[in-house]
Structure formats: C-alpha cells, structure tokens
Amino acid sequence: GMHSWSAATVHSQQGTEADYVIFDTVNAGSYGWQYDEWKRLVNVGLSRAREFVLVLASRAEMREPYIRALNSKLSPRILK
C-alpha cells in the first residue's frame, strides 16, 4: 500500500516523521564528527519513525559507542 517514498540525510529530517524509516549507519566508523554529534544524529534518525525502523549497520558500526547501546533493543538479522 505504499505509493511513494523519499530518501534524505539525517540532517534534513529534523522535525519530520514517517511511518517507516530505514536508517543506514553508513560511515558510522568515521571520526568526522565528535561523539556527541554522532549520538545526536542517531537519535534524530531513529526518532523519525512512527511505526517501524530498520537499522542497516555492519557489526563494526554496531560496536561504535554511540550505536552500541542499541544492541539490547534491536533484533539483529544478517543479510546474505
């Protein structure tokens, strides 16, 4: 029943919501932003979803300190 979708960066999604959100943690291992900024970006990305959020992340990205706390809250699945 989905008739449209859009893609955007986390920065442009502040203040918006969607029923379903796919949050790609691409580049989460980089140190381009400070810890507090990474934590804020993850919060913004995940809090946009009203119904469902899918997190796409590598094992290495899930070990990063600003994402690691999610491990206990997510149901991991591996795509092959």
PDB file of N, CA and C in Angstrom:
ATOM      1  N   GLY A   1       0.785  -1.196   0.000  1.00  0.00           N
ATOM      2  CA  GLY A   1       0.000   0.000   0.000  1.00  0.00           C
ATOM      3  C   GLY A   1       0.836   1.273   0.000  1.00  0.00           C
ATOM      4  N   MET A   2       2.162   1.143  -0.136  1.00  0.00           N
ATOM      5  CA  MET A   2       2.993   2.345  -0.168  1.00  0.00           C
ATOM      6  C   MET A   2       3.049   2.869  -1.596  1.00  0.00           C
ATOM      7  N   HIS A   3       2.692   4.112  -1.755  1.00  0.00           N
ATOM      8  CA  HIS A   3       2.644   4.693  -3.095  1.00  0.00           C
ATOM      9  C   HIS A   3       3.814   5.609  -3.394  1.00  0.00           C
ATOM     10  N   SER A   4       4.520   6.022  -2.352  1.00  0.00           N
ATOM     11  CA  SER A   4       5.676   6.883  -2.580  1.00  0.00           C
ATOM     12  C   SER A   4       6.656   6.718  -1.423  1.00  0.00           C
ATOM     13  N   TRP A   5       7.873   7.172  -1.657  1.00  0.00           N
ATOM     14  CA  TRP A   5       8.898   7.153  -0.621  1.00  0.00           C
ATOM     15  C   TRP A   5       9.875   8.256  -0.926  1.00  0.00           C
ATOM     16  N   SER A   6      10.685   8.580   0.058  1.00  0.00           N
ATOM     17  CA  SER A   6      11.712   9.578  -0.167  1.00  0.00           C
ATOM     18  C   SER A   6      12.957   9.181   0.608  1.00  0.00           C
ATOM     19  N   ALA A   7      14.073   9.717   0.189  1.00  0.00           N
ATOM     20  CA  ALA A   7      15.348   9.472   0.851  1.00  0.00           C
ATOM     21  C   ALA A   7      15.984  10.820   1.150  1.00  0.00           C
ATOM     22  N   ALA A   8      16.649  10.884   2.309  1.00  0.00           N
ATOM     23  CA  ALA A   8      17.277  12.135   2.696  1.00  0.00           C
ATOM     24  C   ALA A   8      18.332  11.857   3.751  1.00  0.00           C
ATOM     25  N   THR A   9      19.146  12.838   4.008  1.00  0.00           N
ATOM     26  CA  THR A   9      20.125  12.713   5.083  1.00  0.00           C
ATOM     27  C   THR A   9      19.440  12.979   6.419  1.00  0.00           C
ATOM     28  N   VAL A  10      20.054  12.510   7.485  1.00  0.00           N
ATOM     29  CA  VAL A  10      19.513  12.757   8.819  1.00  0.00           C
ATOM     30  C   VAL A  10      19.406  14.251   9.078  1.00  0.00           C
ATOM     31  N   HIS A  11      20.401  15.006   8.626  1.00  0.00           N
ATOM     32  CA  HIS A  11      20.391  16.452   8.864  1.00  0.00           C
ATOM     33  C   HIS A  11      19.126  17.119   8.329  1.00  0.00           C
ATOM     34  N   SER A  12      18.632  16.661   7.214  1.00  0.00           N
ATOM     35  CA  SER A  12      17.452  17.294   6.621  1.00  0.00           C
ATOM     36  C   SER A  12      16.141  16.744   7.174  1.00  0.00           C
ATOM     37  N   GLN A  13      16.192  15.748   8.048  1.00  0.00           N
ATOM     38  CA  GLN A  13      14.977  15.126   8.557  1.00  0.00           C
ATOM     39  C   GLN A  13      14.533  15.641   9.924  1.00  0.00           C
ATOM     40  N   GLN A  14      15.279  16.556  10.507  1.00  0.00           N
ATOM     41  CA  GLN A  14      14.867  17.094  11.801  1.00  0.00           C
ATOM     42  C   GLN A  14      13.495  17.731  11.691  1.00  0.00           C
ATOM     43  N   GLY A  15      12.614  17.366  12.607  1.00  0.00           N
ATOM     44  CA  GLY A  15      11.264  17.914  12.614  1.00  0.00           C
ATOM     45  C   GLY A  15      10.286  17.163  11.740  1.00  0.00           C
ATOM     46  N   THR A  16      10.729  16.152  11.011  1.00  0.00           N
ATOM     47  CA  THR A  16       9.821  15.380  10.167  1.00  0.00           C
ATOM     48  C   THR A  16       9.545  14.026  10.813  1.00  0.00           C
ATOM     49  N   GLU A  17       8.534  13.324  10.305  1.00  0.00           N
ATOM     50  CA  GLU A  17       8.207  11.979  10.743  1.00  0.00           C
ATOM     51  C   GLU A  17       7.787  11.161   9.536  1.00  0.00           C
ATOM     52  N   ALA A  18       7.872   9.839   9.694  1.00  0.00           N
ATOM     53  CA  ALA A  18       7.395   8.903   8.678  1.00  0.00           C
ATOM     54  C   ALA A  18       6.937   7.642   9.394  1.00  0.00           C
ATOM     55  N   ASP A  19       6.012   6.928   8.797  1.00  0.00           N
ATOM     56  CA  ASP A  19       5.568   5.670   9.404  1.00  0.00           C
ATOM     57  C   ASP A  19       6.718   4.683   9.480  1.00  0.00           C
ATOM     58  N   TYR A  20       7.485   4.592   8.404  1.00  0.00           N
ATOM     59  CA  TYR A  20       8.583   3.638   8.314  1.00  0.00           C
ATOM     60  C   TYR A  20       9.880   4.384   7.995  1.00  0.00           C
ATOM     61  N   VAL A  21      10.939   4.027   8.701  1.00  0.00           N
ATOM     62  CA  VAL A  21      12.236   4.649   8.474  1.00  0.00           C
ATOM     63  C   VAL A  21      13.287   3.568   8.300  1.00  0.00           C
ATOM     64  N   ILE A  22      14.092   3.692   7.266  1.00  0.00           N
ATOM     65  CA  ILE A  22      15.274   2.853   7.086  1.00  0.00           C
ATOM     66  C   ILE A  22      16.456   3.748   7.414  1.00  0.00           C
ATOM     67  N   PHE A  23      17.157   3.396   8.485  1.00  0.00           N
ATOM     68  CA  PHE A  23      18.278   4.209   8.965  1.00  0.00           C
ATOM     69  C   PHE A  23      19.564   3.477   8.636  1.00  0.00           C
ATOM     70  N   ASP A  24      20.319   4.020   7.710  1.00  0.00           N
ATOM     71  CA  ASP A  24      21.584   3.435   7.280  1.00  0.00           C
ATOM     72  C   ASP A  24      22.717   4.128   8.019  1.00  0.00           C
ATOM     73  N   THR A  25      23.465   3.358   8.783  1.00  0.00           N
ATOM     74  CA  THR A  25      24.549   3.936   9.586  1.00  0.00           C
ATOM     75  C   THR A  25      25.837   4.062   8.799  1.00  0.00           C
ATOM     76  N   VAL A  26      25.740   4.083   7.493  1.00  0.00           N
ATOM     77  CA  VAL A  26      26.918   4.161   6.644  1.00  0.00           C
ATOM     78  C   VAL A  26      27.885   5.216   7.163  1.00  0.00           C
ATOM     79  N   ASN A  27      29.131   4.848   7.190  1.00  0.00           N
ATOM     80  CA  ASN A  27      30.203   5.740   7.624  1.00  0.00           C
ATOM     81  C   ASN A  27      30.204   5.994   9.133  1.00  0.00           C
ATOM     82  N   ALA A  28      29.525   5.155   9.904  1.00  0.00           N
ATOM     83  CA  ALA A  28      29.475   5.353  11.354  1.00  0.00           C
ATOM     84  C   ALA A  28      30.827   5.126  12.014  1.00  0.00           C
ATOM     85  N   GLY A  29      31.742   4.519  11.314  1.00  0.00           N
ATOM     86  CA  GLY A  29      33.070   4.311  11.868  1.00  0.00           C
ATOM     87  C   GLY A  29      34.007   5.483  11.654  1.00  0.00           C
ATOM     88  N   SER A  30      33.526   6.503  10.953  1.00  0.00           N
ATOM     89  CA  SER A  30      34.402   7.650  10.702  1.00  0.00           C
ATOM     90  C   SER A  30      34.447   8.554  11.927  1.00  0.00           C
ATOM     91  N   TYR A  31      35.464   9.352  12.004  1.00  0.00           N
ATOM     92  CA  TYR A  31      35.595  10.292  13.109  1.00  0.00           C
ATOM     93  C   TYR A  31      35.423  11.722  12.619  1.00  0.00           C
ATOM     94  N   GLY A  32      34.600  11.882  11.572  1.00  0.00           N
ATOM     95  CA  GLY A  32      34.350  13.198  11.008  1.00  0.00           C
ATOM     96  C   GLY A  32      33.548  14.100  11.929  1.00  0.00           C
ATOM     97  N   TRP A  33      32.773  13.493  12.827  1.00  0.00           N
ATOM     98  CA  TRP A  33      32.009  14.254  13.808  1.00  0.00           C
ATOM     99  C   TRP A  33      32.401  13.787  15.193  1.00  0.00           C
ATOM    100  N   GLN A  34      32.233  14.655  16.151  1.00  0.00           N
ATOM    101  CA  GLN A  34      32.517  14.318  17.546  1.00  0.00           C
ATOM    102  C   GLN A  34      31.455  13.351  18.072  1.00  0.00           C
ATOM    103  N   TYR A  35      31.758  12.674  19.171  1.00  0.00           N
ATOM    104  CA  TYR A  35      30.865  11.681  19.783  1.00  0.00           C
ATOM    105  C   TYR A  35      29.462  12.242  19.996  1.00  0.00           C
ATOM    106  N   ASP A  36      29.342  13.418  20.592  1.00  0.00           N
ATOM    107  CA  ASP A  36      28.021  13.987  20.881  1.00  0.00           C
ATOM    108  C   ASP A  36      27.213  14.253  19.618  1.00  0.00           C
ATOM    109  N   GLU A  37      27.885  14.649  18.535  1.00  0.00           N
ATOM    110  CA  GLU A  37      27.183  14.876  17.265  1.00  0.00           C
ATOM    111  C   GLU A  37      26.712  13.562  16.677  1.00  0.00           C
ATOM    112  N   TRP A  38      27.521  12.518  16.737  1.00  0.00           N
ATOM    113  CA  TRP A  38      27.096  11.196  16.261  1.00  0.00           C
ATOM    114  C   TRP A  38      25.869  10.724  17.038  1.00  0.00           C
ATOM    115  N   LYS A  39      25.931  10.879  18.351  1.00  0.00           N
ATOM    116  CA  LYS A  39      24.818  10.452  19.203  1.00  0.00           C
ATOM    117  C   LYS A  39      23.538  11.205  18.825  1.00  0.00           C
ATOM    118  N   ARG A  40      23.661  12.494  18.584  1.00  0.00           N
ATOM    119  CA  ARG A  40      22.508  13.302  18.180  1.00  0.00           C
ATOM    120  C   ARG A  40      21.964  12.851  16.835  1.00  0.00           C
ATOM    121  N   LEU A  41      22.840  12.579  15.887  1.00  0.00           N
ATOM    122  CA  LEU A  41      22.403  12.137  14.562  1.00  0.00           C
ATOM    123  C   LEU A  41      21.670  10.798  14.628  1.00  0.00           C
ATOM    124  N   VAL A  42      22.177   9.875  15.426  1.00  0.00           N
ATOM    125  CA  VAL A  42      21.498   8.577  15.597  1.00  0.00           C
ATOM    126  C   VAL A  42      20.121   8.806  16.217  1.00  0.00           C
ATOM    127  N   ASN A  43      20.046   9.643  17.222  1.00  0.00           N
ATOM    128  CA  ASN A  43      18.758   9.938  17.860  1.00  0.00           C
ATOM    129  C   ASN A  43      17.769  10.539  16.865  1.00  0.00           C
ATOM    130  N   VAL A  44      18.210  11.506  16.093  1.00  0.00           N
ATOM    131  CA  VAL A  44      17.331  12.126  15.092  1.00  0.00           C
ATOM    132  C   VAL A  44      16.859  11.075  14.090  1.00  0.00           C
ATOM    133  N   GLY A  45      17.782  10.263  13.581  1.00  0.00           N
ATOM    134  CA  GLY A  45      17.420   9.257  12.586  1.00  0.00           C
ATOM    135  C   GLY A  45      16.396   8.258  13.090  1.00  0.00           C
ATOM    136  N   LEU A  46      16.579   7.778  14.293  1.00  0.00           N
ATOM    137  CA  LEU A  46      15.684   6.758  14.829  1.00  0.00           C
ATOM    138  C   LEU A  46      14.357   7.317  15.308  1.00  0.00           C
ATOM    139  N   SER A  47      14.365   8.534  15.771  1.00  0.00           N
ATOM    140  CA  SER A  47      13.135   9.108  16.327  1.00  0.00           C
ATOM    141  C   SER A  47      12.173   9.631  15.266  1.00  0.00           C
ATOM    142  N   ARG A  48      12.527   9.530  13.995  1.00  0.00           N
ATOM    143  CA  ARG A  48      11.621   9.971  12.925  1.00  0.00           C
ATOM    144  C   ARG A  48      10.511   8.952  12.664  1.00  0.00           C
ATOM    145  N   ALA A  49      10.694   7.706  13.080  1.00  0.00           N
ATOM    146  CA  ALA A  49       9.751   6.634  12.762  1.00  0.00           C
ATOM    147  C   ALA A  49       8.558   6.627  13.708  1.00  0.00           C
ATOM    148  N   ARG A  50       7.361   6.601  13.133  1.00  0.00           N
ATOM    149  CA  ARG A  50       6.146   6.479  13.947  1.00  0.00           C
ATOM    150  C   ARG A  50       5.816   5.017  14.218  1.00  0.00           C
ATOM    151  N   GLU A  51       6.078   4.125  13.265  1.00  0.00           N
ATOM    152  CA  GLU A  51       5.667   2.733  13.389  1.00  0.00           C
ATOM    153  C   GLU A  51       6.829   1.740  13.434  1.00  0.00           C
ATOM    154  N   PHE A  52       7.818   1.943  12.577  1.00  0.00           N
ATOM    155  CA  PHE A  52       8.839   0.907  12.372  1.00  0.00           C
ATOM    156  C   PHE A  52      10.142   1.551  11.927  1.00  0.00           C
ATOM    157  N   VAL A  53      11.241   1.035  12.452  1.00  0.00           N
ATOM    158  CA  VAL A  53      12.554   1.498  11.992  1.00  0.00           C
ATOM    159  C   VAL A  53      13.419   0.282  11.689  1.00  0.00           C
ATOM    160  N   LEU A  54      14.102   0.340  10.573  1.00  0.00           N
ATOM    161  CA  LEU A  54      15.048  -0.690  10.164  1.00  0.00           C
ATOM    162  C   LEU A  54      16.427  -0.047  10.189  1.00  0.00           C
ATOM    163  N   VAL A  55      17.347  -0.626  10.954  1.00  0.00           N
ATOM    164  CA  VAL A  55      18.701  -0.094  11.055  1.00  0.00           C
ATOM    165  C   VAL A  55      19.618  -0.959  10.205  1.00  0.00           C
ATOM    166  N   LEU A  56      20.296  -0.360   9.241  1.00  0.00           N
ATOM    167  CA  LEU A  56      21.276  -1.053   8.418  1.00  0.00           C
ATOM    168  C   LEU A  56      22.654  -0.689   8.941  1.00  0.00           C
ATOM    169  N   ALA A  57      23.363  -1.687   9.463  1.00  0.00           N
ATOM    170  CA  ALA A  57      24.674  -1.422  10.054  1.00  0.00           C
ATOM    171  C   ALA A  57      25.541  -2.664   9.987  1.00  0.00           C
ATOM    172  N   SER A  58      26.819  -2.443   9.838  1.00  0.00           N
ATOM    173  CA  SER A  58      27.765  -3.563   9.909  1.00  0.00           C
ATOM    174  C   SER A  58      28.010  -3.894  11.379  1.00  0.00           C
ATOM    175  N   ARG A  59      28.615  -5.035  11.623  1.00  0.00           N
ATOM    176  CA  ARG A  59      28.971  -5.394  13.001  1.00  0.00           C
ATOM    177  C   ARG A  59      29.929  -4.356  13.597  1.00  0.00           C
ATOM    178  N   ALA A  60      30.863  -3.894  12.793  1.00  0.00           N
ATOM    179  CA  ALA A  60      31.822  -2.894  13.264  1.00  0.00           C
ATOM    180  C   ALA A  60      31.108  -1.601  13.646  1.00  0.00           C
ATOM    181  N   GLU A  61      30.152  -1.169  12.833  1.00  0.00           N
ATOM    182  CA  GLU A  61      29.407   0.053  13.145  1.00  0.00           C
ATOM    183  C   GLU A  61      28.602  -0.117  14.429  1.00  0.00           C
ATOM    184  N   MET A  62      28.054  -1.294  14.666  1.00  0.00           N
ATOM    185  CA  MET A  62      27.266  -1.526  15.877  1.00  0.00           C
ATOM    186  C   MET A  62      28.128  -1.548  17.138  1.00  0.00           C
ATOM    187  N   ARG A  63      29.441  -1.630  16.974  1.00  0.00           N
ATOM    188  CA  ARG A  63      30.344  -1.566  18.131  1.00  0.00           C
ATOM    189  C   ARG A  63      30.748  -0.134  18.479  1.00  0.00           C
ATOM    190  N   GLU A  64      30.403   0.808  17.624  1.00  0.00           N
ATOM    191  CA  GLU A  64      30.741   2.206  17.908  1.00  0.00           C
ATOM    192  C   GLU A  64      29.979   2.665  19.146  1.00  0.00           C
ATOM    193  N   PRO A  65      30.595   3.483  20.009  1.00  0.00           N
ATOM    194  CA  PRO A  65      29.986   3.828  21.294  1.00  0.00           C
ATOM    195  C   PRO A  65      28.616   4.503  21.202  1.00  0.00           C
ATOM    196  N   TYR A  66      28.354   5.262  20.166  1.00  0.00           N
ATOM    197  CA  TYR A  66      27.085   5.975  20.045  1.00  0.00           C
ATOM    198  C   TYR A  66      25.983   5.106  19.452  1.00  0.00           C
ATOM    199  N   ILE A  67      26.317   3.914  18.993  1.00  0.00           N
ATOM    200  CA  ILE A  67      25.319   2.981  18.460  1.00  0.00           C
ATOM    201  C   ILE A  67      25.217   1.732  19.331  1.00  0.00           C
ATOM    202  N   ARG A  68      26.268   1.387  20.014  1.00  0.00           N
ATOM    203  CA  ARG A  68      26.343   0.152  20.811  1.00  0.00           C
ATOM    204  C   ARG A  68      25.163  -0.025  21.767  1.00  0.00           C
ATOM    205  N   ALA A  69      24.669   1.035  22.351  1.00  0.00           N
ATOM    206  CA  ALA A  69      23.550   0.940  23.291  1.00  0.00           C
ATOM    207  C   ALA A  69      22.292   0.353  22.641  1.00  0.00           C
ATOM    208  N   LEU A  70      22.193   0.427  21.331  1.00  0.00           N
ATOM    209  CA  LEU A  70      21.022  -0.111  20.627  1.00  0.00           C
ATOM    210  C   LEU A  70      21.027  -1.632  20.564  1.00  0.00           C
ATOM    211  N   ASN A  71      22.169  -2.246  20.756  1.00  0.00           N
ATOM    212  CA  ASN A  71      22.271  -3.702  20.629  1.00  0.00           C
ATOM    213  C   ASN A  71      21.244  -4.444  21.470  1.00  0.00           C
ATOM    214  N   SER A  72      20.954  -3.976  22.662  1.00  0.00           N
ATOM    215  CA  SER A  72      20.000  -4.661  23.531  1.00  0.00           C
ATOM    216  C   SER A  72      18.550  -4.409  23.128  1.00  0.00           C
ATOM    217  N   LYS A  73      18.315  -3.434  22.256  1.00  0.00           N
ATOM    218  CA  LYS A  73      16.968  -3.068  21.867  1.00  0.00           C
ATOM    219  C   LYS A  73      16.571  -3.548  20.479  1.00  0.00           C
ATOM    220  N   LEU A  74      17.534  -4.004  19.701  1.00  0.00           N
ATOM    221  CA  LEU A  74      17.269  -4.424  18.326  1.00  0.00           C
ATOM    222  C   LEU A  74      17.247  -5.938  18.203  1.00  0.00           C
ATOM    223  N   SER A  75      16.562  -6.413  17.202  1.00  0.00           N
ATOM    224  CA  SER A  75      16.551  -7.840  16.859  1.00  0.00           C
ATOM    225  C   SER A  75      17.428  -8.019  15.621  1.00  0.00           C
ATOM    226  N   PRO A  76      18.687  -8.408  15.812  1.00  0.00           N
ATOM    227  CA  PRO A  76      19.604  -8.463  14.667  1.00  0.00           C
ATOM    228  C   PRO A  76      19.235  -9.537  13.654  1.00  0.00           C
ATOM    229  N   ARG A  77      19.431  -9.201  12.418  1.00  0.00           N
ATOM    230  CA  ARG A  77      19.264 -10.120  11.296  1.00  0.00           C
ATOM    231  C   ARG A  77      20.443  -9.903  10.374  1.00  0.00           C
ATOM    232  N   ILE A  78      20.897 -10.941   9.720  1.00  0.00           N
ATOM    233  CA  ILE A  78      22.039 -10.838   8.823  1.00  0.00           C
ATOM    234  C   ILE A  78      21.556 -11.072   7.397  1.00  0.00           C
ATOM    235  N   LEU A  79      21.884 -10.152   6.521  1.00  0.00           N
ATOM    236  CA  LEU A  79      21.592 -10.311   5.105  1.00  0.00           C
ATOM    237  C   LEU A  79      22.734 -11.009   4.428  1.00  0.00           C
ATOM    238  N   LYS A  80      22.448 -12.004   3.651  1.00  0.00           N
ATOM    239  CA  LYS A  80      23.491 -12.727   2.914  1.00  0.00           C
ATOM    240  C   LYS A  80      23.238 -12.613   1.434  1.00  0.00           C
TER     241      LYS A  80
END
